[in-house]
């Protein structure tokens, strides 16, 4: 999250914390202590979060409410490419159906009713964000 960024706005503070924790765990294992892990980071992992008043957030929250979903924002500790777009000046959020715990797994699934509801919300977001007025 942005509160975890260092002075330059990057995620290097978190990256270093991850390295320190892995090295501490490795020191507890005889083989890993003799063969410590090395890290190669391919680019920065920028933190990103947009509050409810950013236009894309507000439009999404309003569309969710219009379709009977709770107006809520949840921060995640997972990565998605939207943070890169946000850093470049295009506020980006993640929105979708299903539980994050069931995502990106061998048995990944999304309940069909949640998929349909998410598609409805995305359609309303697109119409409202583009200025289309409809009931």
N, C-alpha and C. Protein backbone atom coordinates (compact mmCIF):
# COMPACT_ATOMS: atom_id res chain seq x y z
N UNK A 1 0.84 -1.19 0.00
CA UNK A 1 0.00 0.00 0.00
C UNK A 1 0.88 1.25 0.00
N UNK A 2 0.37 2.40 -0.43
CA UNK A 2 1.18 3.62 -0.47
C UNK A 2 1.87 3.94 0.85
N UNK A 3 1.25 3.63 1.98
CA UNK A 3 1.88 3.88 3.26
C UNK A 3 3.14 3.06 3.49
N UNK A 4 3.34 2.05 2.68
CA UNK A 4 4.53 1.21 2.79
C UNK A 4 5.64 1.64 1.82
N UNK A 5 5.37 2.65 1.03
CA UNK A 5 6.36 3.11 0.05
C UNK A 5 7.49 3.86 0.74
N UNK A 6 8.65 3.83 0.10
CA UNK A 6 9.76 4.62 0.63
C UNK A 6 9.66 6.05 0.10
N UNK A 7 10.66 6.88 0.39
CA UNK A 7 10.57 8.30 0.00
C UNK A 7 10.43 8.51 -1.50
N UNK A 8 10.96 7.60 -2.30
CA UNK A 8 10.87 7.76 -3.76
C UNK A 8 9.54 7.26 -4.30
N UNK A 9 8.70 6.69 -3.43
CA UNK A 9 7.41 6.18 -3.86
C UNK A 9 7.45 4.74 -4.33
N UNK A 10 8.58 4.07 -4.15
CA UNK A 10 8.69 2.70 -4.62
C UNK A 10 8.41 1.70 -3.50
N UNK A 11 8.38 0.45 -3.86
CA UNK A 11 8.14 -0.61 -2.91
C UNK A 11 9.42 -1.25 -2.39
N UNK A 12 10.54 -0.54 -2.51
CA UNK A 12 11.81 -1.14 -2.09
C UNK A 12 11.84 -1.48 -0.60
N UNK A 13 11.17 -0.73 0.21
CA UNK A 13 11.13 -1.03 1.65
C UNK A 13 10.54 -2.42 1.87
N UNK A 14 9.44 -2.72 1.19
CA UNK A 14 8.80 -4.03 1.32
C UNK A 14 9.69 -5.11 0.72
N UNK A 15 10.31 -4.82 -0.41
CA UNK A 15 11.21 -5.79 -1.04
C UNK A 15 12.34 -6.17 -0.08
N UNK A 16 12.92 -5.20 0.59
CA UNK A 16 14.00 -5.47 1.55
C UNK A 16 13.49 -6.27 2.74
N UNK A 17 12.28 -5.96 3.18
CA UNK A 17 11.71 -6.71 4.30
C UNK A 17 11.53 -8.17 3.92
N UNK A 18 11.07 -8.43 2.71
CA UNK A 18 10.91 -9.81 2.24
C UNK A 18 12.27 -10.51 2.24
N UNK A 19 13.29 -9.85 1.71
CA UNK A 19 14.63 -10.44 1.68
C UNK A 19 15.12 -10.75 3.09
N UNK A 20 14.94 -9.81 4.02
CA UNK A 20 15.39 -10.02 5.39
C UNK A 20 14.70 -11.21 6.04
N UNK A 21 13.41 -11.35 5.82
CA UNK A 21 12.67 -12.47 6.42
C UNK A 21 13.09 -13.81 5.82
N UNK A 22 13.30 -13.85 4.52
CA UNK A 22 13.76 -15.09 3.89
C UNK A 22 15.16 -15.45 4.39
N UNK A 23 16.04 -14.46 4.47
CA UNK A 23 17.40 -14.72 4.97
C UNK A 23 17.37 -15.19 6.43
N UNK A 24 16.51 -14.61 7.24
CA UNK A 24 16.41 -15.04 8.65
C UNK A 24 15.95 -16.50 8.72
N UNK A 25 14.97 -16.86 7.91
CA UNK A 25 14.51 -18.26 7.89
C UNK A 25 15.61 -19.18 7.37
N UNK A 26 16.36 -18.74 6.38
CA UNK A 26 17.44 -19.56 5.81
C UNK A 26 18.54 -19.81 6.83
N UNK A 27 18.81 -18.82 7.66
CA UNK A 27 19.86 -18.99 8.68
C UNK A 27 19.51 -20.09 9.67
N UNK A 28 18.23 -20.42 9.81
CA UNK A 28 17.79 -21.46 10.75
C UNK A 28 17.95 -22.86 10.16
N UNK A 29 18.27 -22.97 8.89
CA UNK A 29 18.44 -24.26 8.23
C UNK A 29 19.91 -24.44 7.87
N UNK A 30 20.54 -25.54 8.28
CA UNK A 30 21.98 -25.70 8.03
C UNK A 30 22.37 -25.60 6.55
N UNK A 31 21.61 -26.27 5.68
CA UNK A 31 21.98 -26.24 4.26
C UNK A 31 21.78 -24.84 3.68
N UNK A 32 20.63 -24.22 3.99
CA UNK A 32 20.37 -22.88 3.47
C UNK A 32 21.30 -21.84 4.07
N UNK A 33 21.72 -22.06 5.31
CA UNK A 33 22.68 -21.13 5.92
C UNK A 33 24.00 -21.17 5.15
N UNK A 34 24.39 -22.35 4.69
CA UNK A 34 25.63 -22.49 3.90
C UNK A 34 25.44 -22.07 2.45
N UNK A 35 24.20 -22.06 1.99
CA UNK A 35 23.87 -21.70 0.60
C UNK A 35 22.74 -20.68 0.62
N UNK A 36 23.00 -19.47 1.09
CA UNK A 36 21.91 -18.49 1.24
C UNK A 36 21.25 -18.13 -0.09
N UNK A 37 19.96 -17.93 -0.04
CA UNK A 37 19.25 -17.55 -1.27
C UNK A 37 19.68 -16.18 -1.76
N UNK A 38 19.59 -16.00 -3.06
CA UNK A 38 19.89 -14.70 -3.69
C UNK A 38 18.61 -14.17 -4.32
N UNK A 39 18.52 -12.89 -4.41
CA UNK A 39 17.32 -12.26 -4.97
C UNK A 39 17.67 -11.47 -6.21
N UNK A 40 16.80 -11.55 -7.20
CA UNK A 40 16.88 -10.70 -8.37
C UNK A 40 15.48 -10.14 -8.57
N UNK A 41 15.37 -8.85 -8.41
CA UNK A 41 14.06 -8.20 -8.58
C UNK A 41 14.04 -7.61 -9.98
N UNK A 42 13.01 -7.92 -10.71
CA UNK A 42 12.85 -7.41 -12.06
C UNK A 42 11.90 -6.23 -12.03
N UNK A 43 12.44 -5.08 -11.70
CA UNK A 43 11.62 -3.88 -11.62
C UNK A 43 11.06 -3.70 -10.23
N UNK A 44 10.48 -2.57 -10.04
CA UNK A 44 9.90 -2.21 -8.77
C UNK A 44 8.47 -2.72 -8.70
N UNK A 45 7.98 -2.93 -7.52
CA UNK A 45 6.59 -3.29 -7.29
C UNK A 45 5.94 -2.07 -6.65
N UNK A 46 5.36 -1.19 -7.46
CA UNK A 46 4.84 0.05 -6.90
C UNK A 46 3.57 -0.16 -6.09
N UNK A 47 3.49 0.46 -4.93
CA UNK A 47 2.25 0.39 -4.15
C UNK A 47 1.20 1.30 -4.78
N UNK A 48 -0.05 0.90 -4.67
CA UNK A 48 -1.11 1.72 -5.25
C UNK A 48 -2.41 1.52 -4.48
N UNK A 49 -3.11 2.60 -4.29
CA UNK A 49 -4.43 2.56 -3.67
C UNK A 49 -5.16 3.83 -4.07
N UNK A 50 -6.42 3.72 -4.43
CA UNK A 50 -7.22 4.89 -4.77
C UNK A 50 -8.46 4.90 -3.88
N UNK A 51 -8.67 6.00 -3.24
CA UNK A 51 -9.81 6.14 -2.34
C UNK A 51 -11.13 6.29 -3.06
N UNK A 52 -12.22 6.41 -2.32
CA UNK A 52 -13.56 6.41 -2.89
C UNK A 52 -13.91 7.64 -3.72
N UNK A 53 -13.13 8.72 -3.61
CA UNK A 53 -13.47 9.93 -4.36
C UNK A 53 -12.79 10.04 -5.71
N UNK A 54 -11.86 9.14 -6.02
CA UNK A 54 -11.24 9.11 -7.35
C UNK A 54 -12.35 8.70 -8.32
N UNK A 55 -12.48 9.37 -9.48
CA UNK A 55 -13.62 9.09 -10.36
C UNK A 55 -13.88 7.62 -10.68
N UNK A 56 -12.85 6.83 -10.98
CA UNK A 56 -13.11 5.43 -11.31
C UNK A 56 -13.60 4.67 -10.07
N UNK A 57 -13.10 5.03 -8.91
CA UNK A 57 -13.57 4.39 -7.67
C UNK A 57 -15.01 4.77 -7.39
N UNK A 58 -15.30 6.07 -7.45
CA UNK A 58 -16.66 6.55 -7.16
C UNK A 58 -17.67 5.94 -8.13
N UNK A 59 -17.32 5.89 -9.41
CA UNK A 59 -18.22 5.32 -10.41
C UNK A 59 -18.47 3.85 -10.13
N UNK A 60 -17.42 3.13 -9.78
CA UNK A 60 -17.55 1.70 -9.48
C UNK A 60 -18.39 1.48 -8.23
N UNK A 61 -18.13 2.24 -7.19
CA UNK A 61 -18.90 2.09 -5.95
C UNK A 61 -20.38 2.39 -6.18
N UNK A 62 -20.66 3.43 -6.96
CA UNK A 62 -22.05 3.78 -7.26
C UNK A 62 -22.73 2.68 -8.08
N UNK A 63 -22.01 2.13 -9.05
CA UNK A 63 -22.58 1.04 -9.86
C UNK A 63 -22.84 -0.19 -9.00
N UNK A 64 -21.92 -0.48 -8.10
CA UNK A 64 -22.13 -1.61 -7.19
C UNK A 64 -23.40 -1.41 -6.37
N UNK A 65 -23.56 -0.22 -5.81
CA UNK A 65 -24.74 0.06 -4.99
C UNK A 65 -26.02 -0.03 -5.83
N UNK A 66 -25.97 0.46 -7.06
CA UNK A 66 -27.14 0.42 -7.93
C UNK A 66 -27.59 -1.00 -8.22
N UNK A 67 -26.66 -1.94 -8.18
CA UNK A 67 -26.99 -3.33 -8.46
C UNK A 67 -27.06 -4.19 -7.20
N UNK A 68 -27.22 -3.52 -6.04
CA UNK A 68 -27.47 -4.24 -4.82
C UNK A 68 -26.25 -4.79 -4.09
N UNK A 69 -25.05 -4.37 -4.51
CA UNK A 69 -23.84 -4.80 -3.81
C UNK A 69 -23.42 -3.76 -2.80
N UNK A 70 -22.70 -4.18 -1.79
CA UNK A 70 -22.20 -3.27 -0.77
C UNK A 70 -21.14 -2.36 -1.37
N UNK A 71 -21.23 -1.07 -1.05
CA UNK A 71 -20.20 -0.11 -1.47
C UNK A 71 -18.99 -0.31 -0.57
N UNK A 72 -18.01 -1.03 -1.06
CA UNK A 72 -16.85 -1.28 -0.21
C UNK A 72 -15.57 -1.30 -1.04
N UNK A 73 -14.50 -0.88 -0.39
CA UNK A 73 -13.16 -0.94 -0.98
C UNK A 73 -12.33 -1.84 -0.08
N UNK A 74 -11.64 -2.76 -0.66
CA UNK A 74 -10.77 -3.65 0.11
C UNK A 74 -9.36 -3.56 -0.46
N UNK A 75 -8.40 -3.38 0.41
CA UNK A 75 -7.02 -3.41 -0.06
C UNK A 75 -6.56 -4.85 -0.06
N UNK A 76 -5.70 -5.17 -1.00
CA UNK A 76 -5.18 -6.53 -1.14
C UNK A 76 -3.67 -6.50 -1.06
N UNK A 77 -3.12 -7.60 -0.65
CA UNK A 77 -1.67 -7.72 -0.63
C UNK A 77 -1.18 -8.52 -1.83
N UNK A 78 -2.06 -8.68 -2.81
CA UNK A 78 -1.69 -9.38 -4.03
C UNK A 78 -1.26 -8.35 -5.07
N UNK A 79 -0.60 -8.81 -6.10
CA UNK A 79 -0.11 -7.92 -7.16
C UNK A 79 -1.03 -7.99 -8.37
N UNK A 80 -1.22 -6.86 -9.03
CA UNK A 80 -1.84 -6.84 -10.34
C UNK A 80 -1.28 -5.64 -11.09
N UNK A 81 -1.33 -5.71 -12.41
CA UNK A 81 -0.67 -4.71 -13.25
C UNK A 81 -1.23 -3.31 -13.11
N UNK A 82 -2.39 -3.18 -12.50
CA UNK A 82 -2.99 -1.86 -12.34
C UNK A 82 -2.11 -0.88 -11.60
N UNK A 83 -1.29 -1.37 -10.68
CA UNK A 83 -0.39 -0.48 -9.94
C UNK A 83 0.57 0.23 -10.88
N UNK A 84 1.01 -0.45 -11.92
CA UNK A 84 1.92 0.15 -12.89
C UNK A 84 1.20 1.26 -13.66
N UNK A 85 -0.04 1.03 -14.07
CA UNK A 85 -0.81 2.06 -14.76
C UNK A 85 -1.06 3.25 -13.83
N UNK A 86 -1.38 2.97 -12.56
CA UNK A 86 -1.62 4.04 -11.60
C UNK A 86 -0.38 4.90 -11.44
N UNK A 87 0.78 4.27 -11.33
CA UNK A 87 2.02 5.02 -11.19
C UNK A 87 2.26 5.91 -12.42
N UNK A 88 1.83 5.46 -13.58
CA UNK A 88 2.02 6.23 -14.82
C UNK A 88 0.95 7.31 -15.00
N UNK A 89 0.03 7.42 -14.03
CA UNK A 89 -0.95 8.51 -14.09
C UNK A 89 -2.36 8.11 -14.45
N UNK A 90 -2.62 6.82 -14.67
CA UNK A 90 -3.97 6.36 -14.97
C UNK A 90 -4.49 5.59 -13.77
N UNK A 91 -5.33 6.22 -12.94
CA UNK A 91 -5.84 5.53 -11.76
C UNK A 91 -6.51 4.21 -12.16
N UNK A 92 -6.10 3.15 -11.54
CA UNK A 92 -6.58 1.82 -11.89
C UNK A 92 -6.99 1.07 -10.64
N UNK A 93 -8.11 0.38 -10.73
CA UNK A 93 -8.58 -0.42 -9.60
C UNK A 93 -8.78 -1.86 -10.07
N UNK A 94 -8.88 -2.76 -9.12
CA UNK A 94 -9.22 -4.14 -9.43
C UNK A 94 -10.66 -4.38 -8.99
N UNK A 95 -11.42 -5.02 -9.84
CA UNK A 95 -12.80 -5.35 -9.51
C UNK A 95 -13.14 -6.66 -10.20
N UNK A 96 -13.78 -7.55 -9.49
CA UNK A 96 -14.19 -8.79 -10.12
C UNK A 96 -14.91 -9.70 -9.16
N UNK A 97 -15.43 -10.78 -9.70
CA UNK A 97 -16.20 -11.73 -8.90
C UNK A 97 -15.30 -12.73 -8.18
N UNK A 98 -15.89 -13.42 -7.24
CA UNK A 98 -15.20 -14.52 -6.58
C UNK A 98 -14.34 -14.10 -5.42
N UNK A 99 -13.89 -15.09 -4.67
CA UNK A 99 -13.04 -14.87 -3.51
C UNK A 99 -11.58 -14.91 -3.94
N UNK A 100 -10.78 -13.98 -3.44
CA UNK A 100 -9.37 -13.93 -3.81
C UNK A 100 -8.67 -15.23 -3.41
N UNK A 101 -9.14 -15.89 -2.37
CA UNK A 101 -8.52 -17.14 -1.94
C UNK A 101 -8.69 -18.26 -2.96
N UNK A 102 -9.70 -18.15 -3.83
CA UNK A 102 -9.94 -19.17 -4.85
C UNK A 102 -9.32 -18.81 -6.20
N UNK A 103 -8.66 -17.66 -6.25
CA UNK A 103 -8.10 -17.19 -7.52
C UNK A 103 -6.73 -17.79 -7.80
N UNK A 104 -6.45 -17.97 -9.08
CA UNK A 104 -5.13 -18.38 -9.55
C UNK A 104 -4.64 -19.68 -8.92
N UNK A 105 -5.54 -20.63 -8.78
CA UNK A 105 -5.21 -21.92 -8.22
C UNK A 105 -5.60 -23.01 -9.21
N UNK A 106 -5.13 -24.22 -8.97
CA UNK A 106 -5.44 -25.33 -9.86
C UNK A 106 -6.96 -25.51 -9.98
N UNK A 107 -7.65 -25.34 -8.87
CA UNK A 107 -9.11 -25.52 -8.88
C UNK A 107 -9.84 -24.18 -8.77
N UNK A 108 -9.29 -23.16 -9.43
CA UNK A 108 -9.89 -21.82 -9.40
C UNK A 108 -11.34 -21.90 -9.89
N UNK A 109 -12.19 -21.12 -9.26
CA UNK A 109 -13.59 -21.09 -9.67
C UNK A 109 -14.22 -19.76 -9.27
N UNK A 110 -15.32 -19.43 -9.94
CA UNK A 110 -16.12 -18.26 -9.61
C UNK A 110 -17.57 -18.70 -9.70
N UNK A 111 -18.36 -18.46 -8.66
CA UNK A 111 -19.78 -18.79 -8.75
C UNK A 111 -20.45 -18.03 -9.90
N UNK A 112 -21.26 -18.71 -10.66
CA UNK A 112 -21.87 -18.14 -11.86
C UNK A 112 -22.67 -16.87 -11.55
N UNK A 113 -23.41 -16.85 -10.44
CA UNK A 113 -24.21 -15.67 -10.13
C UNK A 113 -23.30 -14.46 -9.85
N UNK A 114 -22.12 -14.69 -9.26
CA UNK A 114 -21.18 -13.59 -9.03
C UNK A 114 -20.57 -13.11 -10.34
N UNK A 115 -20.33 -14.02 -11.26
CA UNK A 115 -19.80 -13.65 -12.57
C UNK A 115 -20.80 -12.77 -13.33
N UNK A 116 -22.05 -13.17 -13.30
CA UNK A 116 -23.10 -12.38 -13.97
C UNK A 116 -23.23 -11.01 -13.33
N UNK A 117 -23.23 -10.95 -12.00
CA UNK A 117 -23.37 -9.68 -11.31
C UNK A 117 -22.17 -8.77 -11.61
N UNK A 118 -20.98 -9.32 -11.65
CA UNK A 118 -19.79 -8.52 -11.96
C UNK A 118 -19.87 -7.98 -13.38
N UNK A 119 -20.35 -8.78 -14.32
CA UNK A 119 -20.50 -8.31 -15.71
C UNK A 119 -21.51 -7.17 -15.77
N UNK A 120 -22.58 -7.27 -14.99
CA UNK A 120 -23.57 -6.19 -14.94
C UNK A 120 -22.95 -4.91 -14.38
N UNK A 121 -22.22 -5.05 -13.30
CA UNK A 121 -21.57 -3.88 -12.69
C UNK A 121 -20.60 -3.25 -13.68
N UNK A 122 -19.79 -4.05 -14.35
CA UNK A 122 -18.83 -3.52 -15.32
C UNK A 122 -19.52 -2.79 -16.47
N UNK A 123 -20.67 -3.32 -16.91
CA UNK A 123 -21.42 -2.64 -17.98
C UNK A 123 -21.93 -1.28 -17.51
N UNK A 124 -22.46 -1.22 -16.29
CA UNK A 124 -22.96 0.04 -15.74
C UNK A 124 -21.80 1.02 -15.54
N UNK A 125 -20.66 0.54 -15.04
CA UNK A 125 -19.49 1.40 -14.87
C UNK A 125 -19.09 2.01 -16.21
N UNK A 126 -18.99 1.18 -17.23
CA UNK A 126 -18.58 1.67 -18.56
C UNK A 126 -19.56 2.72 -19.08
N UNK A 127 -20.86 2.46 -18.95
CA UNK A 127 -21.86 3.41 -19.43
C UNK A 127 -21.77 4.72 -18.68
N UNK A 128 -21.68 4.66 -17.37
CA UNK A 128 -21.64 5.89 -16.56
C UNK A 128 -20.32 6.64 -16.77
N UNK A 129 -19.23 5.91 -16.82
CA UNK A 129 -17.93 6.57 -16.99
C UNK A 129 -17.86 7.27 -18.35
N UNK A 130 -18.58 6.71 -19.33
CA UNK A 130 -18.59 7.31 -20.68
C UNK A 130 -19.73 8.30 -20.86
N UNK A 131 -20.51 8.54 -19.82
CA UNK A 131 -21.56 9.54 -19.88
C UNK A 131 -22.88 9.08 -20.44
N UNK A 132 -23.09 7.78 -20.55
CA UNK A 132 -24.37 7.26 -21.04
C UNK A 132 -25.33 7.20 -19.87
N UNK A 133 -26.48 7.81 -20.04
CA UNK A 133 -27.50 7.80 -19.01
C UNK A 133 -28.53 6.72 -19.34
N UNK A 134 -28.73 5.81 -18.41
CA UNK A 134 -29.73 4.76 -18.61
C UNK A 134 -30.21 4.29 -17.25
N UNK A 135 -31.40 3.74 -17.23
CA UNK A 135 -31.95 3.18 -15.97
C UNK A 135 -31.46 1.77 -15.82
